[in-house]
Amino acid sequence: MKKILFKIDGKNIPIIVGNDVCDKISIAKYINYKDIVIITNTKVAKLHLSNLKKSLKAFNVKTIIFPDGEKYKNISSLNKIHDFLIKNKFNRDLTVIALGGGVIGDLAGFASDTFLRGVNLIHIPTTLLSQVDSSIGGKTGVNHKFGKNLIGSFKHPVAIFIDTNYLKTLPRKEFISGLSEVVKYGVIGDKLFLKWLNKNSERILDRDSNSLIKLITTSVKAKVSVVQKDERESGIRAHLNFGHTLGHAIESSLNYKGISHGEAVSIGMLFASAISVEKNGLNIDEFNLIENTLTNFLLPITIPSPVTAANIVKHMKYDKKNRQGKINFVLLTSIGSCCIDDSITDKYILELLKTFRA
């Protein structure tokens, strides 16, 4: 069992990582009020909702269950949560628990921040991606037809419980998708960690318990370290968007169907690395290490055929990282060293995209 303190906004947010965390740790001691609303989806509810509710018998617990999928991360779903909370006459003495992956975490987080100008939030992430990334740092929000995460806010939870046992029931494809964000932490900040991931890829894919604890705690500490220095993404936190410029554009181009966030980011990371070789002098051996690690984890590195280069560039124009009408890329000078570059032209992007076809 590992406990990491996330110090932000004058608060000490406990992040607890381990096997059977939700059984061994009393979640109740982090809840100050009688009323609880658990927000989850149909898949997670079947697997984990009953056990969580058993541990909260002393509370007035209600649930909101959405269908599974990125397409439900929208204003309509947010309104459904608000309607439920208002109709049930909840007040600020309420704790919202987000039980699920990144979609549920972002949606529940945004709802908890906007209902009555803010109620308490607890994250219980159930996917690898949400455990190492989206549950940490306070970003919440929903998608818009013009792009991903264009409407949202910052809302930190009072606690985060990361139970590696939840990963046992995670579909293999979704587990692999989450490894993309883990690889990202190695690429942007820790070459030794990246080499460890590359060397231990088989054990990790087999979901070896000790390997999972190490990769999750290392990733969480990396995310916490960055966000504590730059909560609102005015500087170093932007480096966490490595691979996301192309990744988000691919997701938007496909209307969030047929590709996961992690898969799209994997393609985006190799694309940004290729730009970095040509524009920033990234060492080819380091490029190869990045590519090998992604492929060892069975992550995609080429763009799906239905997506056109022109449509990708169109969606890049709506990226929230852009400034003064220019597309911003997070690039590498070396593994562990990043910079923001807004000089990459549409023409260059279109030409390079041709080499990323399957």
Protein backbone atom coordinates (compact mmCIF):
# COMPACT_ATOMS: atom_id res chain seq x y z
CA MET A 1 0.00 0.00 0.00
CA LYS A 2 1.44 3.37 -1.05
CA LYS A 3 0.22 6.80 0.05
CA ILE A 4 1.20 9.84 -1.99
CA LEU A 5 0.31 13.34 -0.79
CA PHE A 6 -0.74 15.73 -3.51
CA LYS A 7 -0.23 19.25 -2.13
CA ILE A 8 -2.26 21.82 -4.04
CA ASP A 9 -4.30 24.93 -3.20
CA GLY A 10 -3.31 24.63 0.46
CA LYS A 11 -4.74 21.10 0.62
CA ASN A 12 -3.11 17.73 1.15
CA ILE A 13 -4.96 15.29 -1.10
CA PRO A 14 -4.20 11.64 -0.27
CA ILE A 15 -3.65 9.33 -3.24
CA ILE A 16 -3.70 5.75 -2.01
CA VAL A 17 -2.36 3.01 -4.30
CA GLY A 18 -2.46 -0.74 -3.74
CA ASN A 19 -4.26 -4.06 -4.04
CA ASP A 20 -7.76 -4.15 -2.52
CA VAL A 21 -7.45 -0.51 -1.48
CA CYS A 22 -11.21 -0.03 -1.40
CA ASP A 23 -11.58 -3.02 0.95
CA LYS A 24 -8.63 -2.29 3.23
CA ILE A 25 -9.04 1.48 3.57
CA SER A 26 -12.10 3.08 5.13
CA ILE A 27 -13.35 5.48 2.48
CA ALA A 28 -15.90 6.70 5.03
CA LYS A 29 -13.31 8.68 6.97
CA TYR A 30 -12.82 10.92 3.94
CA ILE A 31 -16.56 11.70 3.74
CA ASN A 32 -17.86 14.52 5.91
CA TYR A 33 -21.54 14.41 4.98
CA LYS A 34 -24.41 11.92 5.04
CA ASP A 35 -25.37 12.23 1.37
CA ILE A 36 -23.40 10.49 -1.37
CA VAL A 37 -24.03 10.24 -5.10
CA ILE A 38 -21.98 7.66 -6.98
CA ILE A 39 -21.60 8.38 -10.69
CA THR A 40 -20.53 5.40 -12.80
CA ASN A 41 -21.29 3.54 -16.03
CA THR A 42 -23.08 0.29 -16.84
CA LYS A 43 -19.92 -1.81 -17.22
CA VAL A 44 -18.30 -0.66 -13.99
CA ALA A 45 -21.59 -0.85 -12.08
CA LYS A 46 -21.94 -4.56 -12.85
CA LEU A 47 -18.43 -5.28 -11.60
CA HIS A 48 -17.80 -2.95 -8.68
CA LEU A 49 -20.80 -0.88 -7.58
CA SER A 50 -22.26 -3.43 -5.16
CA ASN A 51 -19.04 -3.80 -3.16
CA LEU A 52 -18.57 -0.04 -2.93
CA LYS A 53 -22.12 0.49 -1.70
CA LYS A 54 -21.62 -2.18 0.98
CA SER A 55 -18.73 -0.16 2.40
CA LEU A 56 -20.97 2.93 2.55
CA LYS A 57 -23.98 1.47 4.39
CA ALA A 58 -23.92 4.24 6.99
CA PHE A 59 -24.64 6.87 4.33
CA ASN A 60 -27.57 7.91 2.16
CA VAL A 61 -26.27 6.62 -1.18
CA LYS A 62 -27.81 7.22 -4.59
CA THR A 63 -26.38 6.33 -7.98
CA ILE A 64 -26.34 7.76 -11.49
CA ILE A 65 -25.39 5.22 -14.14
CA PHE A 66 -24.50 6.19 -17.71
CA PRO A 67 -23.89 3.96 -20.73
CA ASP A 68 -20.20 3.32 -21.35
CA GLY A 69 -18.38 5.44 -23.92
CA GLU A 70 -16.68 8.73 -24.77
CA LYS A 71 -19.74 9.87 -26.71
CA TYR A 72 -21.60 10.33 -23.40
CA LYS A 73 -19.05 12.89 -22.18
CA ASN A 74 -21.19 15.83 -23.24
CA ILE A 75 -23.40 18.67 -22.03
CA SER A 76 -26.49 16.46 -22.19
CA SER A 77 -24.99 14.04 -19.64
CA LEU A 78 -23.91 16.94 -17.45
CA ASN A 79 -27.47 18.28 -17.49
CA LYS A 80 -28.81 14.85 -16.49
CA ILE A 81 -26.57 14.89 -13.40
CA HIS A 82 -27.65 18.42 -12.49
CA ASP A 83 -31.32 17.48 -12.98
CA PHE A 84 -30.92 14.45 -10.71
CA LEU A 85 -29.17 16.41 -7.96
CA ILE A 86 -31.73 19.23 -8.05
CA LYS A 87 -34.79 16.95 -8.17
CA ASN A 88 -33.46 14.98 -5.19
CA LYS A 89 -32.98 18.26 -3.28
CA PHE A 90 -29.30 17.71 -2.51
CA ASN A 91 -27.43 20.63 -0.97
CA ARG A 92 -23.76 21.40 -0.41
CA ASP A 93 -23.54 18.68 2.24
CA LEU A 94 -22.92 16.19 -0.53
CA THR A 95 -20.03 14.02 -1.70
CA VAL A 96 -19.88 12.92 -5.32
CA ILE A 97 -17.92 9.72 -5.95
CA ALA A 98 -16.62 9.15 -9.47
CA LEU A 99 -16.38 5.37 -9.96
CA GLY A 100 -15.04 4.67 -13.42
CA GLY A 101 -12.55 5.69 -16.06
CA GLY A 102 -11.65 9.03 -17.56
CA VAL A 103 -15.07 9.79 -19.01
CA ILE A 104 -16.84 9.28 -15.68
CA GLY A 105 -14.10 11.12 -13.78
CA ASP A 106 -14.22 14.17 -16.05
CA LEU A 107 -18.02 14.23 -16.11
CA ALA A 108 -18.52 13.69 -12.37
CA GLY A 109 -15.75 16.15 -11.58
CA PHE A 110 -17.31 18.88 -13.72
CA ALA A 111 -20.75 18.20 -12.23
CA SER A 112 -19.40 18.37 -8.67
CA ASP A 113 -17.70 21.69 -9.43
CA THR A 114 -20.74 23.31 -11.03
CA PHE A 115 -23.56 22.05 -8.78
CA LEU A 116 -24.21 24.77 -6.18
CA ARG A 117 -20.78 26.18 -7.09
CA GLY A 118 -19.03 23.12 -5.74
CA VAL A 119 -19.46 20.00 -3.59
CA ASN A 120 -16.91 17.43 -2.39
CA LEU A 121 -15.53 14.92 -4.86
CA ILE A 122 -13.77 11.55 -4.46
CA HIS A 123 -12.15 9.72 -7.36
CA ILE A 124 -12.09 5.92 -7.53
CA PRO A 125 -10.56 5.36 -10.99
CA THR A 126 -11.10 1.90 -12.46
CA THR A 127 -9.00 2.06 -15.66
CA LEU A 128 -5.23 2.30 -15.96
CA LEU A 129 -5.50 5.55 -17.89
CA SER A 130 -7.63 7.21 -15.23
CA GLN A 131 -5.45 5.84 -12.43
CA VAL A 132 -2.23 7.30 -13.80
CA ASP A 133 -3.55 10.43 -15.46
CA SER A 134 -7.08 11.81 -15.62
CA SER A 135 -8.03 11.41 -11.94
CA ILE A 136 -5.03 13.51 -10.88
CA GLY A 137 -4.62 17.23 -11.47
CA GLY A 138 -8.10 18.66 -11.25
CA LYS A 139 -9.03 18.82 -14.93
CA THR A 140 -12.72 18.16 -15.56
CA GLY A 141 -14.96 18.74 -18.52
CA VAL A 142 -17.01 17.57 -21.46
CA ASN A 143 -16.49 17.38 -25.20
CA HIS A 144 -18.00 19.67 -27.82
CA LYS A 145 -18.77 18.89 -31.45
CA PHE A 146 -15.76 21.01 -32.42
CA GLY A 147 -13.28 19.25 -30.15
CA LYS A 148 -12.33 17.36 -27.02
CA ASN A 149 -12.47 18.88 -23.52
CA LEU A 150 -13.41 22.34 -24.78
CA ILE A 151 -15.81 22.97 -21.88
CA GLY A 152 -14.63 22.35 -18.32
CA SER A 153 -13.06 23.52 -15.10
CA PHE A 154 -10.47 22.66 -12.47
CA LYS A 155 -11.80 20.67 -9.51
CA HIS A 156 -9.61 18.72 -7.09
CA PRO A 157 -11.03 15.77 -5.14
CA VAL A 158 -10.68 15.31 -1.40
CA ALA A 159 -9.10 11.88 -1.99
CA ILE A 160 -8.16 9.42 -4.74
CA PHE A 161 -8.25 5.64 -4.26
CA ILE A 162 -6.31 3.63 -6.84
CA ASP A 163 -7.08 -0.08 -6.53
CA THR A 164 -4.96 -2.24 -8.84
CA ASN A 165 -7.47 -5.09 -8.47
CA TYR A 166 -9.83 -3.14 -10.70
CA LEU A 167 -7.33 -3.69 -13.51
CA LYS A 168 -7.92 -7.46 -13.38
CA THR A 169 -11.38 -6.99 -14.91
CA LEU A 170 -10.25 -4.37 -17.43
CA PRO A 171 -10.42 -5.57 -21.06
CA ARG A 172 -6.94 -6.12 -22.50
CA LYS A 173 -7.42 -3.48 -25.20
CA GLU A 174 -8.36 -0.87 -22.59
CA PHE A 175 -5.44 -1.83 -20.36
CA ILE A 176 -3.03 -1.43 -23.28
CA SER A 177 -4.59 1.93 -24.09
CA GLY A 178 -3.76 3.17 -20.59
CA LEU A 179 -0.12 2.22 -21.03
CA SER A 180 0.19 5.04 -23.55
CA GLU A 181 -0.01 7.68 -20.81
CA VAL A 182 2.47 5.68 -18.71
CA VAL A 183 4.96 5.68 -21.58
CA LYS A 184 4.42 9.43 -21.89
CA TYR A 185 5.74 10.02 -18.37
CA GLY A 186 8.94 8.21 -19.27
CA VAL A 187 9.36 10.08 -22.54
CA ILE A 188 8.87 13.58 -21.15
CA GLY A 189 10.60 13.18 -17.82
CA ASP A 190 12.37 9.93 -16.95
CA LYS A 191 14.51 7.97 -19.40
CA LEU A 192 15.34 5.30 -16.80
CA PHE A 193 11.62 4.70 -16.26
CA LEU A 194 11.10 4.47 -20.03
CA LYS A 195 13.88 1.89 -20.29
CA TRP A 196 12.35 -0.06 -17.39
CA LEU A 197 8.97 -0.06 -19.15
CA ASN A 198 10.59 -1.27 -22.37
CA LYS A 199 12.49 -4.04 -20.58
CA ASN A 200 9.50 -5.21 -18.52
CA SER A 201 6.79 -4.91 -21.15
CA GLU A 202 5.84 -8.61 -21.05
CA ARG A 203 5.42 -8.68 -17.27
CA ILE A 204 3.39 -5.49 -17.42
CA LEU A 205 1.15 -6.86 -20.18
CA ASP A 206 0.62 -9.94 -17.99
CA ARG A 207 -0.47 -7.49 -15.22
CA ASP A 208 2.15 -8.64 -12.75
CA SER A 209 1.07 -7.11 -9.43
CA ASN A 210 4.45 -5.70 -8.36
CA SER A 211 5.07 -4.24 -11.81
CA LEU A 212 1.66 -2.55 -11.77
CA ILE A 213 2.29 -0.99 -8.36
CA LYS A 214 5.65 0.38 -9.57
CA LEU A 215 4.38 1.81 -12.85
CA ILE A 216 1.31 3.38 -11.23
CA THR A 217 3.18 4.96 -8.30
CA THR A 218 5.95 6.24 -10.59
CA SER A 219 3.39 7.71 -12.97
CA VAL A 220 1.32 9.26 -10.17
CA LYS A 221 4.41 10.86 -8.62
CA ALA A 222 5.41 12.26 -12.02
CA LYS A 223 1.97 13.78 -12.58
CA VAL A 224 1.79 15.18 -9.04
CA SER A 225 5.26 16.73 -9.34
CA VAL A 226 4.34 18.58 -12.53
CA VAL A 227 0.89 19.77 -11.42
CA GLN A 228 2.19 21.04 -8.06
CA LYS A 229 4.55 23.32 -9.99
CA ASP A 230 2.00 24.48 -12.56
CA GLU A 231 -1.64 23.78 -11.74
CA ARG A 232 -3.25 25.86 -14.49
CA GLU A 233 -1.02 24.75 -17.36
CA SER A 234 0.73 28.08 -17.90
CA GLY A 235 4.15 26.43 -18.14
CA ILE A 236 5.58 22.98 -17.48
CA ARG A 237 2.17 21.26 -17.16
CA ALA A 238 1.68 21.79 -20.88
CA HIS A 239 4.40 19.15 -21.38
CA LEU A 240 1.85 16.57 -20.20
CA ASN A 241 0.07 17.22 -23.51
CA PHE A 242 2.89 15.48 -25.39
CA GLY A 243 1.23 13.46 -28.16
CA HIS A 244 -2.16 15.03 -27.53
CA THR A 245 -2.18 17.58 -30.37
CA LEU A 246 -2.46 14.88 -33.02
CA GLY A 247 -4.13 12.45 -30.60
CA HIS A 248 -7.10 14.69 -29.85
CA ALA A 249 -7.44 15.57 -33.55
CA ILE A 250 -7.65 11.88 -34.49
CA GLU A 251 -10.29 11.26 -31.81
CA SER A 252 -12.35 14.24 -32.95
CA SER A 253 -12.02 13.27 -36.61
CA LEU A 254 -13.43 9.83 -35.81
CA ASN A 255 -16.16 11.30 -33.59
CA TYR A 256 -14.66 9.34 -30.66
CA LYS A 257 -15.46 6.00 -32.31
CA GLY A 258 -13.12 3.17 -33.26
CA ILE A 259 -10.08 4.43 -31.37
CA SER A 260 -9.38 5.00 -27.70
CA HIS A 261 -7.74 8.06 -26.18
CA GLY A 262 -4.58 6.13 -25.33
CA GLU A 263 -4.29 4.68 -28.82
CA ALA A 264 -4.67 8.12 -30.38
CA VAL A 265 -2.07 9.59 -28.01
CA SER A 266 0.35 6.77 -28.88
CA ILE A 267 0.20 7.77 -32.55
CA GLY A 268 0.50 11.41 -31.51
CA MET A 269 3.61 10.76 -29.42
CA LEU A 270 5.46 9.07 -32.26
CA PHE A 271 4.35 11.84 -34.64
CA ALA A 272 5.67 14.52 -32.25
CA SER A 273 8.88 12.49 -31.83
CA ALA A 274 9.33 12.38 -35.62
CA ILE A 275 8.93 16.17 -35.79
CA SER A 276 11.44 16.42 -32.93
CA VAL A 277 14.04 14.42 -34.88
CA GLU A 278 13.76 16.76 -37.88
CA LYS A 279 13.24 20.08 -36.10
CA ASN A 280 14.90 19.69 -32.68
CA GLY A 281 17.67 17.18 -33.27
CA LEU A 282 16.16 14.39 -31.17
CA ASN A 283 18.66 11.51 -31.26
CA ILE A 284 17.52 8.70 -33.56
CA ASP A 285 18.37 6.11 -30.89
CA GLU A 286 16.00 7.87 -28.50
CA PHE A 287 13.34 7.98 -31.21
CA ASN A 288 13.80 4.23 -31.67
CA LEU A 289 13.47 3.65 -27.91
CA ILE A 290 10.16 5.51 -27.92
CA GLU A 291 8.90 3.60 -30.95
CA ASN A 292 10.03 0.22 -29.57
CA THR A 293 8.37 0.83 -26.22
CA LEU A 294 5.07 1.73 -27.88
CA THR A 295 5.16 -1.30 -30.17
CA ASN A 296 6.23 -3.62 -27.32
CA PHE A 297 3.04 -2.56 -25.56
CA LEU A 298 1.07 -3.31 -28.77
CA LEU A 299 0.09 0.34 -29.12
CA PRO A 300 -0.67 1.73 -32.61
CA ILE A 301 1.78 4.06 -34.33
CA THR A 302 -0.03 4.69 -37.63
CA ILE A 303 -3.19 6.67 -38.40
CA PRO A 304 -6.41 4.74 -39.12
CA SER A 305 -7.35 4.83 -42.81
CA PRO A 306 -10.76 6.57 -42.47
CA VAL A 307 -9.09 9.73 -41.19
CA THR A 308 -7.94 12.26 -43.79
CA ALA A 309 -4.94 14.49 -43.23
CA ALA A 310 -7.00 17.58 -44.07
CA ASN A 311 -9.60 16.68 -41.44
CA ILE A 312 -6.89 16.13 -38.83
CA VAL A 313 -5.41 19.59 -39.45
CA LYS A 314 -8.91 21.10 -39.32
CA HIS A 315 -9.47 19.61 -35.87
CA MET A 316 -6.01 20.69 -34.72
CA LYS A 317 -7.14 24.28 -35.28
CA TYR A 318 -9.63 23.88 -32.40
CA ASP A 319 -7.05 22.52 -29.94
CA LYS A 320 -7.30 24.33 -26.61
CA LYS A 321 -3.49 24.58 -26.40
CA ASN A 322 -3.32 26.82 -29.47
CA ARG A 323 -2.33 30.45 -29.10
CA GLN A 324 -2.84 33.32 -31.56
CA GLY A 325 -4.23 30.96 -34.19
CA LYS A 326 -1.11 28.78 -34.24
CA ILE A 327 -1.06 25.02 -33.65
CA ASN A 328 1.06 24.22 -30.60
CA PHE A 329 3.08 20.99 -30.40
CA VAL A 330 4.92 19.64 -27.39
CA LEU A 331 8.24 18.48 -28.84
CA LEU A 332 11.38 16.84 -27.49
CA THR A 333 14.99 17.98 -27.57
CA SER A 334 15.84 14.69 -25.88
CA ILE A 335 14.00 12.14 -23.77
CA GLY A 336 13.16 14.00 -20.57
CA SER A 337 13.43 17.47 -22.11
CA CYS A 338 10.45 19.18 -23.80
CA CYS A 339 9.57 22.47 -25.42
CA ILE A 340 6.47 24.08 -26.93
CA ASP A 341 6.69 24.85 -30.65
CA ASP A 342 4.15 26.88 -32.64
CA SER A 343 6.22 27.09 -35.83
CA ILE A 344 5.06 23.82 -37.42
CA THR A 345 3.18 24.73 -40.60
CA ASP A 346 0.04 23.10 -41.98
CA LYS A 347 2.02 22.08 -45.08
CA TYR A 348 4.66 20.32 -42.99
CA ILE A 349 2.01 18.51 -40.93
CA LEU A 350 0.16 17.35 -44.06
CA GLU A 351 3.38 15.99 -45.60
CA LEU A 352 4.47 14.15 -42.45
CA LEU A 353 1.01 12.66 -41.98
CA LYS A 354 1.47 10.83 -45.30
CA THR A 355 4.27 8.77 -43.70
CA PHE A 356 2.04 7.76 -40.79
CA ARG A 357 -0.44 5.76 -42.84
CA ALA A 358 -0.82 2.04 -42.07
